[in-house]
N, C-alpha and C. Protein backbone atom coordinates (compact mmCIF):
# COMPACT_ATOMS: atom_id res chain seq x y z
N UNK A 1 -21.91 -54.58 77.22
CA UNK A 1 -22.57 -55.00 78.43
C UNK A 1 -22.85 -53.78 79.29
N UNK A 2 -23.99 -53.73 79.91
CA UNK A 2 -24.38 -52.63 80.78
C UNK A 2 -24.50 -53.15 82.21
N UNK A 3 -23.93 -52.40 83.16
CA UNK A 3 -24.04 -52.77 84.57
C UNK A 3 -24.72 -51.61 85.29
N UNK A 4 -25.15 -51.83 86.52
CA UNK A 4 -25.79 -50.79 87.31
C UNK A 4 -24.94 -50.47 88.52
N UNK A 5 -24.95 -49.17 88.92
CA UNK A 5 -24.26 -48.79 90.14
C UNK A 5 -25.19 -49.08 91.33
N UNK A 6 -24.77 -48.69 92.52
CA UNK A 6 -25.53 -49.02 93.73
C UNK A 6 -26.89 -48.34 93.79
N UNK A 7 -27.05 -47.23 93.05
CA UNK A 7 -28.35 -46.54 93.00
C UNK A 7 -29.23 -47.04 91.87
N UNK A 8 -28.78 -48.02 91.13
CA UNK A 8 -29.56 -48.58 90.04
C UNK A 8 -29.39 -47.85 88.71
N UNK A 9 -28.44 -46.89 88.65
CA UNK A 9 -28.17 -46.19 87.40
C UNK A 9 -27.35 -47.08 86.48
N UNK A 10 -27.72 -47.09 85.21
CA UNK A 10 -27.00 -47.93 84.26
C UNK A 10 -25.66 -47.30 83.91
N UNK A 11 -24.64 -48.15 83.87
CA UNK A 11 -23.28 -47.71 83.53
C UNK A 11 -22.70 -48.71 82.55
N UNK A 12 -21.86 -48.23 81.66
CA UNK A 12 -21.17 -49.16 80.77
C UNK A 12 -20.00 -49.77 81.51
N UNK A 13 -19.74 -51.02 81.23
CA UNK A 13 -18.61 -51.70 81.84
C UNK A 13 -17.32 -51.12 81.29
N UNK A 14 -16.31 -50.98 82.14
CA UNK A 14 -15.01 -50.48 81.71
C UNK A 14 -14.37 -51.46 80.74
N UNK A 15 -13.75 -50.92 79.70
CA UNK A 15 -13.03 -51.78 78.76
C UNK A 15 -11.54 -51.66 79.06
N UNK A 16 -10.95 -52.76 79.44
CA UNK A 16 -9.54 -52.80 79.78
C UNK A 16 -8.75 -53.37 78.60
N UNK A 17 -7.56 -52.80 78.37
CA UNK A 17 -6.65 -53.33 77.37
C UNK A 17 -5.29 -53.48 78.02
N UNK A 18 -4.47 -54.35 77.47
CA UNK A 18 -3.12 -54.54 77.96
C UNK A 18 -2.16 -53.96 76.94
N UNK A 19 -1.27 -53.09 77.42
CA UNK A 19 -0.27 -52.53 76.54
C UNK A 19 1.10 -53.06 76.97
N UNK A 20 1.99 -53.20 76.02
CA UNK A 20 3.35 -53.63 76.30
C UNK A 20 4.25 -52.42 76.16
N UNK A 21 4.95 -52.10 77.23
CA UNK A 21 5.83 -50.94 77.25
C UNK A 21 7.13 -51.26 76.50
N UNK A 22 7.92 -50.22 76.22
CA UNK A 22 9.17 -50.41 75.48
C UNK A 22 10.12 -51.37 76.18
N UNK A 23 10.06 -51.42 77.52
CA UNK A 23 10.94 -52.33 78.27
C UNK A 23 10.40 -53.75 78.35
N UNK A 24 9.24 -54.00 77.70
CA UNK A 24 8.64 -55.34 77.68
C UNK A 24 7.63 -55.59 78.78
N UNK A 25 7.55 -54.69 79.75
CA UNK A 25 6.58 -54.85 80.83
C UNK A 25 5.17 -54.65 80.28
N UNK A 26 4.22 -55.38 80.84
CA UNK A 26 2.82 -55.27 80.42
C UNK A 26 2.05 -54.49 81.47
N UNK A 27 1.10 -53.69 80.98
CA UNK A 27 0.31 -52.85 81.88
C UNK A 27 -1.14 -52.84 81.43
N UNK A 28 -2.07 -53.06 82.36
CA UNK A 28 -3.49 -52.98 82.06
C UNK A 28 -3.94 -51.54 82.22
N UNK A 29 -4.64 -51.03 81.21
CA UNK A 29 -5.14 -49.66 81.23
C UNK A 29 -6.60 -49.67 80.82
N UNK A 30 -7.32 -48.61 81.18
CA UNK A 30 -8.73 -48.50 80.80
C UNK A 30 -8.85 -47.71 79.50
N UNK A 31 -9.43 -48.34 78.50
CA UNK A 31 -9.67 -47.69 77.21
C UNK A 31 -10.88 -46.77 77.35
N UNK A 32 -10.68 -45.48 77.11
CA UNK A 32 -11.77 -44.52 77.22
C UNK A 32 -12.44 -44.26 75.88
N UNK A 33 -11.64 -44.22 74.81
CA UNK A 33 -12.17 -43.87 73.50
C UNK A 33 -11.20 -44.33 72.44
N UNK A 34 -11.73 -44.82 71.34
CA UNK A 34 -10.92 -45.08 70.15
C UNK A 34 -11.67 -44.45 68.98
N UNK A 35 -10.92 -43.85 68.07
CA UNK A 35 -11.55 -43.16 66.95
C UNK A 35 -10.57 -43.06 65.79
N UNK A 36 -11.10 -42.66 64.65
CA UNK A 36 -10.30 -42.52 63.43
C UNK A 36 -10.73 -41.24 62.72
N UNK A 37 -9.76 -40.46 62.29
CA UNK A 37 -10.04 -39.32 61.43
C UNK A 37 -10.05 -39.84 60.00
N UNK A 38 -11.17 -39.74 59.33
CA UNK A 38 -11.30 -40.29 57.99
C UNK A 38 -10.44 -39.58 56.95
N UNK A 39 -10.23 -38.27 57.13
CA UNK A 39 -9.49 -37.54 56.11
C UNK A 39 -8.00 -37.88 56.06
N UNK A 40 -7.41 -38.24 57.21
CA UNK A 40 -6.00 -38.65 57.19
C UNK A 40 -5.82 -40.14 57.45
N UNK A 41 -6.94 -40.84 57.66
CA UNK A 41 -6.96 -42.29 57.86
C UNK A 41 -6.11 -42.74 59.06
N UNK A 42 -6.02 -41.88 60.08
CA UNK A 42 -5.24 -42.23 61.27
C UNK A 42 -6.17 -42.60 62.41
N UNK A 43 -5.77 -43.65 63.14
CA UNK A 43 -6.53 -44.12 64.29
C UNK A 43 -5.84 -43.66 65.58
N UNK A 44 -6.66 -43.46 66.60
CA UNK A 44 -6.15 -43.01 67.89
C UNK A 44 -6.86 -43.76 69.01
N UNK A 45 -6.19 -43.86 70.15
CA UNK A 45 -6.82 -44.38 71.37
C UNK A 45 -6.54 -43.39 72.50
N UNK A 46 -7.53 -43.28 73.37
CA UNK A 46 -7.38 -42.48 74.58
C UNK A 46 -7.61 -43.44 75.74
N UNK A 47 -6.65 -43.47 76.66
CA UNK A 47 -6.74 -44.41 77.78
C UNK A 47 -6.24 -43.77 79.05
N UNK A 48 -6.49 -44.43 80.17
CA UNK A 48 -6.05 -43.94 81.47
C UNK A 48 -5.53 -45.10 82.32
N UNK A 49 -4.64 -44.73 83.21
CA UNK A 49 -4.16 -45.67 84.22
C UNK A 49 -4.82 -45.34 85.56
N UNK A 50 -5.82 -44.42 85.51
CA UNK A 50 -6.55 -43.93 86.68
C UNK A 50 -5.64 -43.28 87.71
N UNK A 51 -4.60 -42.60 87.22
CA UNK A 51 -3.71 -41.82 88.08
C UNK A 51 -4.34 -40.44 88.26
N UNK A 52 -4.17 -39.85 89.42
CA UNK A 52 -4.68 -38.50 89.65
C UNK A 52 -3.53 -37.57 90.04
N UNK A 53 -3.68 -36.29 89.66
CA UNK A 53 -2.69 -35.29 90.04
C UNK A 53 -3.06 -34.67 91.38
N UNK A 54 -2.33 -33.65 91.79
CA UNK A 54 -2.55 -33.02 93.09
C UNK A 54 -3.93 -32.38 93.20
N UNK A 55 -4.54 -32.04 92.05
CA UNK A 55 -5.87 -31.42 92.06
C UNK A 55 -6.99 -32.44 91.92
N UNK A 56 -6.65 -33.73 91.84
CA UNK A 56 -7.67 -34.77 91.70
C UNK A 56 -8.08 -35.05 90.28
N UNK A 57 -7.40 -34.44 89.30
CA UNK A 57 -7.70 -34.69 87.89
C UNK A 57 -7.09 -36.01 87.44
N UNK A 58 -7.85 -36.78 86.69
CA UNK A 58 -7.38 -38.06 86.17
C UNK A 58 -6.52 -37.82 84.93
N UNK A 59 -5.35 -38.43 84.89
CA UNK A 59 -4.45 -38.30 83.75
C UNK A 59 -4.93 -39.21 82.64
N UNK A 60 -5.00 -38.67 81.40
CA UNK A 60 -5.33 -39.49 80.24
C UNK A 60 -4.16 -39.46 79.27
N UNK A 61 -4.07 -40.49 78.46
CA UNK A 61 -3.01 -40.65 77.47
C UNK A 61 -3.65 -40.79 76.09
N UNK A 62 -3.01 -40.21 75.10
CA UNK A 62 -3.48 -40.30 73.72
C UNK A 62 -2.35 -40.88 72.89
N UNK A 63 -2.68 -41.88 72.08
CA UNK A 63 -1.68 -42.49 71.20
C UNK A 63 -2.25 -42.66 69.80
N UNK A 64 -1.38 -42.54 68.84
CA UNK A 64 -1.68 -42.85 67.45
C UNK A 64 -1.51 -44.35 67.29
N UNK A 65 -2.39 -44.99 66.54
CA UNK A 65 -2.35 -46.44 66.37
C UNK A 65 -1.79 -46.79 65.00
N UNK A 66 -0.81 -47.69 64.99
CA UNK A 66 -0.29 -48.23 63.74
C UNK A 66 -0.58 -49.72 63.73
N UNK A 67 -1.15 -50.20 62.62
CA UNK A 67 -1.46 -51.63 62.48
C UNK A 67 -0.62 -52.23 61.36
N UNK A 68 0.06 -53.31 61.70
CA UNK A 68 0.79 -54.08 60.71
C UNK A 68 0.39 -55.54 60.92
N UNK A 69 -0.49 -56.03 60.05
CA UNK A 69 -1.04 -57.36 60.24
C UNK A 69 -1.81 -57.41 61.54
N UNK A 70 -1.48 -58.36 62.40
CA UNK A 70 -2.14 -58.52 63.70
C UNK A 70 -1.52 -57.62 64.78
N UNK A 71 -0.35 -57.06 64.49
CA UNK A 71 0.37 -56.28 65.49
C UNK A 71 -0.11 -54.83 65.51
N UNK A 72 -0.38 -54.33 66.71
CA UNK A 72 -0.82 -52.95 66.92
C UNK A 72 0.24 -52.25 67.75
N UNK A 73 0.69 -51.09 67.28
CA UNK A 73 1.68 -50.30 68.00
C UNK A 73 1.07 -48.95 68.34
N UNK A 74 1.29 -48.52 69.58
CA UNK A 74 0.85 -47.20 70.01
C UNK A 74 2.02 -46.24 69.90
N UNK A 75 1.79 -45.10 69.26
CA UNK A 75 2.84 -44.13 69.02
C UNK A 75 2.48 -42.79 69.64
N UNK A 76 3.49 -41.99 69.89
CA UNK A 76 3.31 -40.65 70.41
C UNK A 76 2.72 -39.75 69.34
N UNK A 77 1.78 -38.90 69.75
CA UNK A 77 1.24 -37.88 68.84
C UNK A 77 2.16 -36.66 68.97
N UNK A 78 2.96 -36.40 67.95
CA UNK A 78 3.93 -35.32 68.04
C UNK A 78 3.62 -34.14 67.13
N UNK A 79 2.67 -34.31 66.23
CA UNK A 79 2.30 -33.25 65.30
C UNK A 79 1.32 -32.28 65.96
N UNK A 80 1.66 -30.98 65.94
CA UNK A 80 0.81 -29.97 66.59
C UNK A 80 -0.60 -29.91 65.99
N UNK A 81 -0.72 -30.10 64.68
CA UNK A 81 -2.04 -30.07 64.04
C UNK A 81 -2.89 -31.24 64.51
N UNK A 82 -2.28 -32.43 64.64
CA UNK A 82 -3.01 -33.59 65.15
C UNK A 82 -3.49 -33.32 66.57
N UNK A 83 -2.59 -32.77 67.41
CA UNK A 83 -2.95 -32.48 68.79
C UNK A 83 -4.12 -31.51 68.85
N UNK A 84 -4.09 -30.49 68.02
CA UNK A 84 -5.19 -29.51 68.01
C UNK A 84 -6.52 -30.17 67.66
N UNK A 85 -6.51 -31.03 66.66
CA UNK A 85 -7.73 -31.73 66.27
C UNK A 85 -8.24 -32.64 67.38
N UNK A 86 -7.34 -33.34 68.04
CA UNK A 86 -7.72 -34.25 69.12
C UNK A 86 -8.31 -33.45 70.28
N UNK A 87 -7.66 -32.35 70.66
CA UNK A 87 -8.18 -31.50 71.74
C UNK A 87 -9.55 -30.93 71.39
N UNK A 88 -9.71 -30.51 70.13
CA UNK A 88 -11.03 -30.01 69.69
C UNK A 88 -12.10 -31.09 69.82
N UNK A 89 -11.77 -32.31 69.43
CA UNK A 89 -12.70 -33.42 69.54
C UNK A 89 -13.07 -33.67 71.01
N UNK A 90 -12.08 -33.69 71.89
CA UNK A 90 -12.34 -33.92 73.31
C UNK A 90 -13.20 -32.81 73.91
N UNK A 91 -12.94 -31.57 73.52
CA UNK A 91 -13.76 -30.45 74.01
C UNK A 91 -15.22 -30.63 73.56
N UNK A 92 -15.40 -31.01 72.29
CA UNK A 92 -16.74 -31.20 71.76
C UNK A 92 -17.45 -32.35 72.49
N UNK A 93 -16.75 -33.44 72.72
CA UNK A 93 -17.35 -34.57 73.43
C UNK A 93 -17.70 -34.20 74.87
N UNK A 94 -16.88 -33.39 75.51
CA UNK A 94 -17.14 -33.03 76.91
C UNK A 94 -18.37 -32.13 77.03
N UNK A 95 -18.70 -31.38 75.98
CA UNK A 95 -19.91 -30.55 75.98
C UNK A 95 -21.17 -31.41 75.99
N UNK A 96 -21.08 -32.59 75.38
CA UNK A 96 -22.25 -33.47 75.25
C UNK A 96 -22.45 -34.37 76.47
N UNK A 97 -21.56 -34.35 77.41
CA UNK A 97 -21.67 -35.22 78.60
C UNK A 97 -22.65 -34.69 79.59
């Protein structure tokens, strides 16, 4: 779905997802990007809670996705090589914006 801002510029509607934290609490977050690296067959999501730091930068979160049947689990990306690839992808995407 496409919406327009107050100046009539077209914008994509935000996609919200609900995540369940380890303590069972549910939290709505904005999904920014989901992707899969074909060579390692791993899926990832990038999302935000729209929090900002002291400099006004929006904090983003990256998780590895594990699927077991209908259940989806978000995991920490702890491998340095995975992190490097994800950062490279984000840098490349930011050049095209």
